[in-house]
Amino acid sequence: MTEVNTSAVREPRLGDSGTDWATLRDHPTAEFIESMRRKYPTEDEMDRVLTSKMRRRAEVSDTGFSLEALMDCCHAMLRDHLDDAFETSNARWLSGGASKMQVAFTLDWNDPASGRTSTELVIRLEPAESVNATSRTREFQLLAAFNGTIPVPRVYWLDAGARWFPQSAIVYAFARGVTKPTASTGRVSGIGQNFSPELRAQLGPQFVDHLARIHAFNPAERDLSAFNVPRAGSTESAEWQLNRARRVWDEDRGHDFPLFDVATNWLARNLPELDRASVLHGDYRAGNFLFDESNGEILTWLDWERGYIGDRHRDLAWTTTRTFGNYAEDGKTFLVSGLIPIDDFFELYEKKSGLSVDMDRIRFYRVLNSYQLMVSALASAYRLVHLGKTHQDVLLAWVEAVGYAMAEDIRQVLNEEFENAE
């Protein structure tokens, strides 16, 4: 692993040595791609995903995959996997999410596990280019690994190399349930969702218990071959994630942003050592689980695309961020994901997982999380809308504004750090 340079970071600027960086980011050359790989070493699978993203960027691509075309791809895949006759029906688009395309359909087939049956399934695949370039192989392996440990949908097929579909894809079981109470309007992607006291009492303990099970899980017990495992006692975990964000910023941004340089240097100087390698969900919050409103049971956990093996404190920092929660009726008690008071959350988590919580590490990862969101909003969302490579250009144009809110969070935290250091 290449050591992070903790001296002042100077990103390449438009016009440096006659280089047209705007053109290179729109139409990356092989030399540019390889320079990014060398400059920002990260996990093997993420290097593969980001490299593939950049190689496809210069290609003319269709952002408007039709439902009929995707089902034709699905039929081709099923013919190669199934020996018996099958039929599909009720194909339809699924809404929700800002980075992946999803199609639901019903498959009448001979399931080796249960015989002739009708199964509701979902195709989940990358668009022409995603605001969050992630790995379907990782998502497939995580869903398979946690089957039986926490509620997750059964996975059926993986098209890692886009043999059948236009982009990498997985096919998994359709999950029933709701992401929010029926009477609630909520916010985008379930963020800041309000739950009644009765639902909080039912969902809150499950919410903590499932996260504890994820972090206490032994990665060596299942096939997680698409993941690098960072060494305990090293800063590899934090360094890989920082380098990943820096690489995406350098590949996607449209302008300089001095606060990014300041934050990069602070993060590089404060990389925490890893005490224990845990599986992370990566986006653990309300909006990414489905529940039965009648009895308050969490039925399934979705959106594992950001999952990796590393420091559990990043998940804890993400889950407890203020943006994803709200305040109880007293206006004073902050509820993690709208479900459980934050002090109760940490206490119950330690009890359920048997793992400690280090608030200094959480502070570091809160900055890194805001940094990552700033990269996605101000760099990737901008580039996708600019290039017209997304089916959700209106939504992602709106998402750009979120980057400045994240930048303000970072500015406030760094101001406190610098004042305390004086």
Protein backbone atom coordinates (compact mmCIF):
# COMPACT_ATOMS: atom_id res chain seq x y z
CA MET A 1 0.00 0.00 0.00
CA THR A 2 1.35 3.38 -1.01
CA GLU A 3 1.71 5.79 1.89
CA VAL A 4 -0.66 8.75 1.89
CA ASN A 5 1.12 12.05 1.35
CA THR A 6 0.19 14.22 4.33
CA SER A 7 1.80 17.34 2.94
CA ALA A 8 -0.31 19.97 1.25
CA VAL A 9 -2.43 18.34 -1.45
CA ARG A 10 -2.55 20.15 -4.77
CA GLU A 11 -5.04 18.69 -7.20
CA PRO A 12 -4.31 19.14 -10.93
CA ARG A 13 -5.85 22.36 -12.20
CA LEU A 14 -7.30 23.17 -15.58
CA GLY A 15 -4.54 24.28 -17.89
CA ASP A 16 -1.62 22.73 -15.94
CA SER A 17 1.22 22.17 -18.44
CA GLY A 18 -1.24 22.64 -21.27
CA THR A 19 -3.38 19.72 -20.12
CA ASP A 20 -7.10 20.11 -20.75
CA TRP A 21 -8.41 18.41 -17.62
CA ALA A 22 -12.06 19.07 -18.53
CA THR A 23 -11.67 17.10 -21.75
CA LEU A 24 -9.76 14.31 -20.01
CA ARG A 25 -12.53 13.88 -17.46
CA ASP A 26 -15.17 13.78 -20.19
CA HIS A 27 -13.11 11.50 -22.45
CA PRO A 28 -10.50 9.76 -20.26
CA THR A 29 -7.48 8.33 -22.02
CA ALA A 30 -5.77 5.10 -21.02
CA GLU A 31 -2.88 7.17 -19.65
CA PHE A 32 -5.22 9.29 -17.51
CA ILE A 33 -6.97 6.20 -16.12
CA GLU A 34 -3.70 4.52 -15.22
CA SER A 35 -2.46 7.70 -13.55
CA MET A 36 -5.55 7.69 -11.30
CA ARG A 37 -4.99 4.05 -10.40
CA ARG A 38 -1.37 4.67 -9.43
CA LYS A 39 -2.11 7.86 -7.51
CA TYR A 40 -4.99 6.49 -5.42
CA PRO A 41 -4.48 2.80 -4.56
CA THR A 42 -7.60 1.24 -3.06
CA GLU A 43 -9.32 -2.15 -2.76
CA ASP A 44 -8.93 -4.48 -5.73
CA GLU A 45 -12.64 -4.75 -6.57
CA MET A 46 -13.20 -1.01 -6.25
CA ASP A 47 -10.19 -0.36 -8.47
CA ARG A 48 -11.77 -2.68 -11.04
CA VAL A 49 -15.17 -0.95 -10.77
CA LEU A 50 -13.77 2.58 -11.03
CA THR A 51 -11.46 1.63 -13.89
CA SER A 52 -14.35 0.06 -15.78
CA LYS A 53 -16.46 3.17 -15.16
CA MET A 54 -13.82 5.43 -16.69
CA ARG A 55 -13.17 3.15 -19.67
CA ARG A 56 -16.90 3.19 -20.49
CA ARG A 57 -17.22 6.94 -20.01
CA ALA A 58 -15.84 7.90 -23.42
CA GLU A 59 -18.15 5.44 -25.15
CA VAL A 60 -21.46 6.51 -26.65
CA SER A 61 -23.98 4.89 -24.33
CA ASP A 62 -27.74 4.64 -24.11
CA THR A 63 -29.17 5.88 -20.80
CA GLY A 64 -32.70 4.89 -21.75
CA PHE A 65 -32.73 1.08 -21.45
CA SER A 66 -36.28 0.00 -22.26
CA LEU A 67 -38.24 -2.42 -20.10
CA GLU A 68 -38.69 -4.73 -23.08
CA ALA A 69 -34.98 -4.76 -23.87
CA LEU A 70 -34.04 -5.57 -20.27
CA MET A 71 -36.54 -8.41 -20.16
CA ASP A 72 -35.05 -9.78 -23.37
CA CYS A 73 -31.69 -9.76 -21.60
CA CYS A 74 -33.28 -11.50 -18.64
CA HIS A 75 -34.77 -14.21 -20.87
CA ALA A 76 -31.36 -14.84 -22.44
CA MET A 77 -29.81 -15.23 -18.98
CA LEU A 78 -32.59 -17.55 -17.78
CA ARG A 79 -32.26 -19.77 -20.86
CA ASP A 80 -28.58 -20.23 -20.05
CA HIS A 81 -29.26 -21.04 -16.39
CA LEU A 82 -32.47 -23.09 -16.44
CA ASP A 83 -32.98 -26.53 -17.96
CA ASP A 84 -36.77 -26.50 -17.75
CA ALA A 85 -39.36 -24.29 -19.40
CA PHE A 86 -40.13 -20.95 -17.78
CA GLU A 87 -42.37 -17.93 -18.28
CA THR A 88 -42.09 -14.33 -17.09
CA SER A 89 -44.91 -11.86 -16.49
CA ASN A 90 -45.85 -8.57 -14.78
CA ALA A 91 -42.57 -6.83 -15.61
CA ARG A 92 -42.46 -3.26 -14.27
CA TRP A 93 -40.01 -0.58 -13.20
CA LEU A 94 -39.38 -0.06 -9.50
CA SER A 95 -38.98 3.48 -8.22
CA GLY A 96 -36.63 4.65 -5.48
CA GLY A 97 -32.89 5.04 -5.26
CA ALA A 98 -30.68 7.51 -7.06
CA SER A 99 -27.98 5.26 -8.45
CA LYS A 100 -29.33 1.91 -9.72
CA MET A 101 -32.03 0.68 -12.13
CA GLN A 102 -34.48 -1.95 -10.89
CA VAL A 103 -37.10 -4.06 -12.64
CA ALA A 104 -39.53 -6.41 -10.91
CA PHE A 105 -41.14 -9.40 -12.61
CA THR A 106 -42.75 -12.77 -11.88
CA LEU A 107 -40.99 -16.00 -12.90
CA ASP A 108 -42.93 -19.26 -13.33
CA TRP A 109 -40.26 -21.97 -13.21
CA ASN A 110 -38.96 -25.16 -11.67
CA ASP A 111 -37.04 -23.97 -8.60
CA PRO A 112 -34.49 -26.67 -7.60
CA ALA A 113 -35.17 -25.78 -3.95
CA SER A 114 -38.96 -26.03 -4.02
CA GLY A 115 -40.17 -27.44 -7.35
CA ARG A 116 -42.57 -25.83 -9.77
CA THR A 117 -43.46 -22.40 -8.42
CA SER A 118 -44.09 -18.74 -9.13
CA THR A 119 -41.41 -16.38 -7.76
CA GLU A 120 -41.38 -12.60 -7.67
CA LEU A 121 -37.91 -11.31 -8.56
CA VAL A 122 -35.98 -8.07 -9.05
CA ILE A 123 -33.27 -7.22 -11.57
CA ARG A 124 -30.84 -4.66 -10.14
CA LEU A 125 -28.24 -3.18 -12.46
CA GLU A 126 -26.00 -0.21 -13.09
CA PRO A 127 -27.24 2.56 -15.40
CA ALA A 128 -24.92 3.78 -18.17
CA GLU A 129 -22.95 5.51 -15.40
CA SER A 130 -23.80 5.72 -11.73
CA VAL A 131 -23.38 8.47 -9.16
CA ASN A 132 -22.06 5.68 -6.92
CA ALA A 133 -19.99 3.21 -8.93
CA THR A 134 -20.29 -0.01 -6.94
CA SER A 135 -19.91 -3.76 -7.37
CA ARG A 136 -22.80 -6.14 -8.06
CA THR A 137 -20.46 -9.01 -7.17
CA ARG A 138 -19.97 -7.57 -3.69
CA GLU A 139 -23.68 -6.97 -3.28
CA PHE A 140 -24.44 -10.54 -4.35
CA GLN A 141 -21.86 -12.00 -1.96
CA LEU A 142 -23.07 -9.94 0.99
CA LEU A 143 -26.71 -10.90 0.49
CA ALA A 144 -25.73 -14.56 0.20
CA ALA A 145 -23.47 -14.33 3.27
CA PHE A 146 -26.07 -12.81 5.60
CA ASN A 147 -28.93 -15.08 4.61
CA GLY A 148 -30.00 -16.63 7.92
CA THR A 149 -28.17 -14.06 10.08
CA ILE A 150 -30.40 -11.06 9.47
CA PRO A 151 -33.38 -10.71 7.10
CA VAL A 152 -32.13 -10.21 3.52
CA PRO A 153 -33.63 -11.16 0.16
CA ARG A 154 -32.53 -14.44 -1.39
CA VAL A 155 -30.15 -13.92 -4.32
CA TYR A 156 -30.49 -16.06 -7.45
CA TRP A 157 -28.15 -14.96 -10.25
CA LEU A 158 -25.20 -12.66 -10.82
CA ASP A 159 -24.13 -11.14 -14.13
CA ALA A 160 -20.83 -9.65 -12.99
CA GLY A 161 -19.33 -9.16 -16.44
CA ALA A 162 -22.47 -7.88 -18.22
CA ARG A 163 -22.68 -11.06 -20.30
CA TRP A 164 -26.46 -10.81 -20.60
CA PHE A 165 -27.40 -7.33 -19.38
CA PRO A 166 -26.08 -3.94 -20.63
CA GLN A 167 -24.28 -3.48 -17.29
CA SER A 168 -23.42 -5.73 -14.34
CA ALA A 169 -26.56 -7.00 -12.61
CA ILE A 170 -27.99 -9.26 -9.93
CA VAL A 171 -31.36 -10.98 -9.70
CA TYR A 172 -32.82 -11.40 -6.23
CA ALA A 173 -36.14 -12.04 -4.50
CA PHE A 174 -38.74 -9.29 -4.40
CA ALA A 175 -39.24 -8.23 -0.78
CA ARG A 176 -42.53 -7.02 0.66
CA GLY A 177 -43.04 -4.39 3.32
CA VAL A 178 -42.91 -0.62 3.64
CA THR A 179 -40.04 1.81 4.25
CA LYS A 180 -42.17 4.32 6.15
CA PRO A 181 -45.49 4.49 7.98
CA THR A 182 -48.46 4.78 5.66
CA ALA A 183 -49.56 8.11 7.13
CA SER A 184 -46.11 9.66 6.82
CA THR A 185 -44.93 11.73 3.87
CA GLY A 186 -41.25 11.34 4.81
CA ARG A 187 -38.36 12.76 2.84
CA VAL A 188 -36.14 11.66 -0.03
CA SER A 189 -34.93 8.04 0.34
CA GLY A 190 -36.45 7.77 3.82
CA ILE A 191 -34.01 10.29 5.27
CA GLY A 192 -35.24 11.94 8.47
CA GLN A 193 -38.25 9.62 8.66
CA ASN A 194 -40.72 10.11 11.53
CA PHE A 195 -41.96 7.02 13.37
CA SER A 196 -44.62 6.89 16.08
CA PRO A 197 -43.53 6.04 19.64
CA GLU A 198 -45.21 2.65 19.23
CA LEU A 199 -43.28 1.82 16.06
CA ARG A 200 -40.06 3.12 17.57
CA ALA A 201 -40.46 0.70 20.46
CA GLN A 202 -40.90 -2.19 18.03
CA LEU A 203 -38.35 -1.29 15.34
CA GLY A 204 -35.59 0.32 17.42
CA PRO A 205 -34.27 -2.83 19.19
CA GLN A 206 -34.30 -4.80 15.92
CA PHE A 207 -32.51 -1.97 14.15
CA VAL A 208 -29.64 -2.08 16.66
CA ASP A 209 -29.58 -5.88 16.90
CA HIS A 210 -29.22 -6.33 13.14
CA LEU A 211 -26.33 -3.86 12.94
CA ALA A 212 -24.62 -5.63 15.84
CA ARG A 213 -24.99 -8.96 14.03
CA ILE A 214 -23.46 -7.51 10.85
CA HIS A 215 -20.43 -6.12 12.67
CA ALA A 216 -19.88 -9.22 14.84
CA PHE A 217 -20.09 -11.51 11.80
CA ASN A 218 -16.89 -13.39 10.90
CA PRO A 219 -16.06 -12.58 7.24
CA ALA A 220 -14.00 -15.77 6.96
CA GLU A 221 -17.13 -17.92 7.35
CA ARG A 222 -18.57 -17.17 3.89
CA ASP A 223 -17.44 -16.46 0.34
CA LEU A 224 -16.47 -12.79 0.38
CA SER A 225 -13.73 -13.15 -2.21
CA ALA A 226 -14.56 -9.77 -3.79
CA PHE A 227 -13.37 -7.99 -0.64
CA ASN A 228 -9.93 -7.01 0.62
CA VAL A 229 -9.48 -7.51 4.36
CA PRO A 230 -7.44 -4.70 5.98
CA ARG A 231 -4.87 -5.59 8.62
CA ALA A 232 -5.75 -4.97 12.25
CA GLY A 233 -3.32 -2.49 13.79
CA SER A 234 -2.87 -0.67 10.47
CA THR A 235 -4.51 2.37 8.85
CA GLU A 236 -5.23 0.44 5.63
CA SER A 237 -9.00 0.50 6.05
CA ALA A 238 -9.28 4.28 6.39
CA GLU A 239 -6.61 4.87 3.76
CA TRP A 240 -8.34 2.73 1.12
CA GLN A 241 -11.63 4.57 1.65
CA LEU A 242 -9.98 7.99 1.58
CA ASN A 243 -8.11 7.12 -1.62
CA ARG A 244 -11.31 5.89 -3.22
CA ALA A 245 -13.03 9.21 -2.54
CA ARG A 246 -10.00 11.21 -3.71
CA ARG A 247 -9.84 9.23 -6.93
CA VAL A 248 -13.53 9.80 -7.72
CA TRP A 249 -13.12 13.51 -7.00
CA ASP A 250 -10.16 13.76 -9.36
CA GLU A 251 -11.97 11.79 -12.07
CA ASP A 252 -15.35 13.55 -11.85
CA ARG A 253 -15.08 17.11 -10.52
CA GLY A 254 -15.75 20.14 -12.64
CA HIS A 255 -13.99 22.81 -10.58
CA ASP A 256 -11.53 23.41 -7.75
CA PHE A 257 -12.84 23.47 -4.19
CA PRO A 258 -10.26 24.57 -1.59
CA LEU A 259 -12.17 23.07 1.35
CA PHE A 260 -11.73 19.66 -0.26
CA ASP A 261 -7.94 20.08 -0.09
CA VAL A 262 -8.10 21.16 3.56
CA ALA A 263 -10.32 18.21 4.46
CA THR A 264 -8.09 15.79 2.53
CA ASN A 265 -5.03 16.86 4.50
CA TRP A 266 -6.85 16.63 7.84
CA LEU A 267 -8.16 13.15 7.04
CA ALA A 268 -4.74 11.96 5.83
CA ARG A 269 -3.09 13.20 9.04
CA ASN A 270 -5.68 11.55 11.29
CA LEU A 271 -6.14 8.07 9.80
CA PRO A 272 -7.23 5.78 12.66
CA GLU A 273 -5.79 2.31 13.17
CA LEU A 274 -8.16 -0.63 12.78
CA ASP A 275 -8.83 -2.75 15.86
CA ARG A 276 -11.02 -5.40 14.21
CA ALA A 277 -12.10 -6.02 10.60
CA SER A 278 -15.90 -6.09 10.34
CA VAL A 279 -18.36 -6.30 7.51
CA LEU A 280 -20.05 -2.93 6.95
CA HIS A 281 -23.45 -2.43 5.35
CA GLY A 282 -22.38 1.01 4.13
CA ASP A 283 -25.81 2.69 4.14
CA TYR A 284 -27.47 1.45 7.32
CA ARG A 285 -30.46 3.69 8.08
CA ALA A 286 -34.21 4.10 7.82
CA GLY A 287 -35.29 3.88 4.19
CA ASN A 288 -33.09 0.85 3.51
CA PHE A 289 -35.14 -1.68 5.45
CA LEU A 290 -38.68 -2.89 4.82
CA PHE A 291 -41.02 -3.62 7.72
CA ASP A 292 -44.49 -4.95 8.45
CA GLU A 293 -46.48 -2.02 9.72
CA SER A 294 -49.02 -4.27 11.48
CA ASN A 295 -46.52 -5.81 13.90
CA GLY A 296 -43.38 -3.66 13.56
CA GLU A 297 -41.17 -6.49 12.30
CA ILE A 298 -38.21 -5.66 10.05
CA LEU A 299 -38.65 -7.96 7.04
CA THR A 300 -35.53 -7.32 4.99
CA TRP A 301 -32.44 -5.15 4.57
CA LEU A 302 -31.71 -3.73 1.12
CA ASP A 303 -29.08 -1.59 -0.65
CA TRP A 304 -25.83 -3.32 0.28
CA GLU A 305 -23.96 -1.74 -2.62
CA ARG A 306 -21.65 0.34 -0.37
CA GLY A 307 -20.70 -2.61 1.83
CA TYR A 308 -17.06 -3.47 2.49
CA ILE A 309 -14.81 -5.00 5.16
CA GLY A 310 -13.23 -2.42 7.43
CA ASP A 311 -13.82 -0.29 10.51
CA ARG A 312 -17.30 -0.67 12.05
CA HIS A 313 -17.06 2.93 13.28
CA ARG A 314 -17.75 4.16 9.77
CA ASP A 315 -21.16 2.43 9.82
CA LEU A 316 -21.79 3.80 13.31
CA ALA A 317 -20.89 7.32 12.21
CA TRP A 318 -23.11 7.02 9.14
CA THR A 319 -26.09 5.59 10.99
CA THR A 320 -25.99 8.22 13.74
CA THR A 321 -25.51 11.24 11.48
CA ARG A 322 -27.95 14.08 12.19
CA THR A 323 -29.21 14.18 8.61
CA PHE A 324 -30.65 10.66 8.86
CA GLY A 325 -32.41 11.18 12.20
CA ASN A 326 -34.74 13.60 13.93
CA TYR A 327 -35.85 14.69 17.37
CA ALA A 328 -38.45 13.12 19.63
CA GLU A 329 -41.61 14.89 20.72
CA ASP A 330 -39.74 16.75 23.47
CA GLY A 331 -37.65 18.54 20.82
CA LYS A 332 -34.44 17.62 22.69
CA THR A 333 -33.86 13.88 22.34
CA PHE A 334 -32.09 12.99 19.08
CA LEU A 335 -33.35 9.74 17.58
CA VAL A 336 -30.95 7.67 15.46
CA SER A 337 -32.71 7.16 12.11
CA GLY A 338 -35.84 8.39 13.87
CA LEU A 339 -35.94 5.20 15.96
CA ILE A 340 -33.89 5.24 19.18
CA PRO A 341 -32.18 7.85 21.40
CA ILE A 342 -28.51 8.07 20.49
CA ASP A 343 -27.19 7.17 23.96
CA ASP A 344 -29.47 4.13 24.07
CA PHE A 345 -28.31 3.20 20.59
CA PHE A 346 -24.63 3.03 21.55
CA GLU A 347 -25.33 1.27 24.86
CA LEU A 348 -27.50 -1.41 23.24
CA TYR A 349 -25.07 -1.81 20.34
CA GLU A 350 -22.15 -2.57 22.66
CA LYS A 351 -24.29 -5.03 24.62
CA LYS A 352 -25.56 -6.85 21.50
CA SER A 353 -22.30 -6.90 19.51
CA GLY A 354 -19.75 -7.30 22.27
CA LEU A 355 -17.76 -4.60 20.48
CA SER A 356 -16.65 -1.25 21.88
CA VAL A 357 -17.50 2.21 20.56
CA ASP A 358 -14.66 4.74 20.19
CA MET A 359 -16.06 8.26 19.81
CA ASP A 360 -12.77 9.62 18.41
CA ARG A 361 -12.99 7.15 15.53
CA ILE A 362 -16.63 8.01 14.99
CA ARG A 363 -15.63 11.67 14.75
CA PHE A 364 -13.07 10.86 12.04
CA TYR A 365 -15.58 8.82 10.06
CA ARG A 366 -18.23 11.50 10.34
CA VAL A 367 -15.85 13.80 8.50
CA LEU A 368 -15.02 11.07 5.96
CA ASN A 369 -18.72 10.34 5.41
CA SER A 370 -19.51 14.00 4.73
CA TYR A 371 -16.42 14.12 2.50
CA GLN A 372 -17.69 11.10 0.53
CA LEU A 373 -21.14 12.64 0.13
CA MET A 374 -19.55 15.90 -1.01
CA VAL A 375 -17.61 13.96 -3.66
CA SER A 376 -20.75 12.19 -4.89
CA ALA A 377 -22.79 15.40 -5.04
CA LEU A 378 -20.29 18.01 -6.26
CA ALA A 379 -18.23 15.76 -8.51
CA SER A 380 -20.05 12.59 -9.67
CA ALA A 381 -23.58 14.03 -9.86
CA TYR A 382 -22.23 17.05 -11.74
CA ARG A 383 -20.28 14.91 -14.22
CA LEU A 384 -23.20 12.57 -14.94
CA VAL A 385 -25.62 15.41 -15.59
CA HIS A 386 -22.99 17.24 -17.65
CA LEU A 387 -22.39 14.16 -19.83
CA GLY A 388 -26.04 13.11 -20.00
CA LYS A 389 -25.13 9.59 -18.83
CA THR A 390 -27.92 9.13 -16.29
CA HIS A 391 -31.60 8.30 -16.47
CA GLN A 392 -32.13 10.52 -13.42
CA ASP A 393 -30.57 13.80 -14.50
CA VAL A 394 -33.23 15.96 -12.80
CA LEU A 395 -32.79 14.20 -9.45
CA LEU A 396 -29.00 14.29 -9.63
CA ALA A 397 -28.99 17.98 -10.54
CA TRP A 398 -30.92 18.49 -7.29
CA VAL A 399 -28.48 16.21 -5.41
CA GLU A 400 -25.61 18.55 -6.29
CA ALA A 401 -26.96 21.04 -3.77
CA VAL A 402 -26.53 18.45 -0.99
CA GLY A 403 -22.77 18.68 -1.49
CA TYR A 404 -22.65 22.20 -0.11
CA ALA A 405 -24.52 21.14 3.03
CA MET A 406 -21.93 18.39 3.52
CA ALA A 407 -19.14 20.90 2.93
CA GLU A 408 -20.57 23.12 5.66
CA ASP A 409 -20.63 20.15 8.07
CA ILE A 410 -16.97 19.50 7.31
CA ARG A 411 -16.07 23.18 7.72
CA GLN A 412 -17.65 23.32 11.16
CA VAL A 413 -15.93 20.15 12.38
CA LEU A 414 -12.53 21.22 11.06
CA ASN A 415 -12.90 24.66 12.61
CA GLU A 416 -13.46 22.98 15.98
CA GLU A 417 -10.43 20.74 15.42
CA PHE A 418 -8.17 23.63 14.51
CA GLU A 419 -9.39 25.76 17.44
CA ASN A 420 -8.78 22.90 19.88
CA ALA A 421 -5.27 22.42 18.48
CA GLU A 422 -4.28 26.02 19.20
